[in-house]
Amino acid sequence: MNKKVKGLIMLSVVVVLMFVGTIMVTAKTVGIIQYVEHAALDAARDGFIDALADSGYLSGENLEIDYQNAQGDAANLSTISDRFIGKKVDLVLAIATPAAQSIAGKTVDIPILGTAITDYEAARLVDSNEIPGANLTGTTDMNPIRDQIELLLDLVPDARRIGVLYTSSEDNSVVQAAIAKEVILDLGLEYAEVTISNSNEVQQATQSIVRRVDAIYIPTDNIFASAMPIVHGVTSQSKTVVVPGEAGMVMAGGVASLAINYYDLGYQTGLMAVKVFEGADPATMPIEGAKGFDYIINGDIAEEIGVEIPAHLLEYIVE
């Protein structure tokens, strides 16, 4: 056999191996169940998909992504979960606590990754954050709550009573509100709260609390994140500073935050998905936290309500 023929055979083998490798990668289907649509959750989804793409899993080419949004409805969450189980997807991305709780209650076989979830243990999704113990793991969006409250005091140094708004039915919000209360009282301030159960109560809750407090803190709460323009409609009239838990909420009606980058958090979750595709077991993959937090200040709203931004925060103003 001459060298030319040998070379052609070797080239053919390489091409076949590359083709087989591509086929193996194409066998992945990911179901994405998102609780509700707002900037933070959308960014997390985008980051997840980009991480898969950067790792060689391309939607529409060698990866099928079935994205479903529940629009904040529990019945929709259940229907979507059943859809993914019936479809036998290879992995589910659950965005936000209610989404993860819905799918986790229906399957122990399909690997599930969560993101934009504050406390997996409190939500009864895992045995522990260090060793999840079943088919679900992911990333947490737990905020630097003490730092966020201290930021609020940088903006309103004379504040004596801090109000907290949150949704009582969202486990993630309940956990954050409890931490915020502890921090506020530890700082020698007075604490007040008003809770809601649905989006129809946002305006009334905000109107109720602005009359009793000097400033407002809102954790990463899905209903409030979707309703920040309503919050702003009230607080702009009362000239009340609002420090919410994440950047999208700041730009939709808050003043400032020290916040998670949800795109980066989703990207981090996507890299975890790649590990699962490669054989990693979610039961032994620890819950991962965000790698960092960024200041963000809504310059337009700060000016609108007459807030003076301290010199050390001026570089973080976004117009």
Foldseek 3Di string as FASTA:
>chain_A
DDPVVVVVVVVVVVVVVVVVVLQLQLPAEEEEEEQADFDLLVLLQLLLQVLCVVVPCHDPRSYDYHYDYQNNDLVSLLVSLVVCVVVVGQEYEYEALSNLVNNLVPDQPHAYEYFQYAACVLSVNAPHLQFRATRYAYAHFHFPLLVFVVQVCLFVVPWAEEEEEAAPPGSNQVVSVVVNCVSQVVVVGHYHYDYDHALVCVLVRLLVCLVPTQAYEYEPHVSCSVVLLSSQVRCLVSLHAYEYAADSSQQNHHFKGFYASSSQRSNVRSVVVVVVSVPDGNSNHGHHYGPGTHIAGAPVSCVSSVTDRDPVCVVRYDD
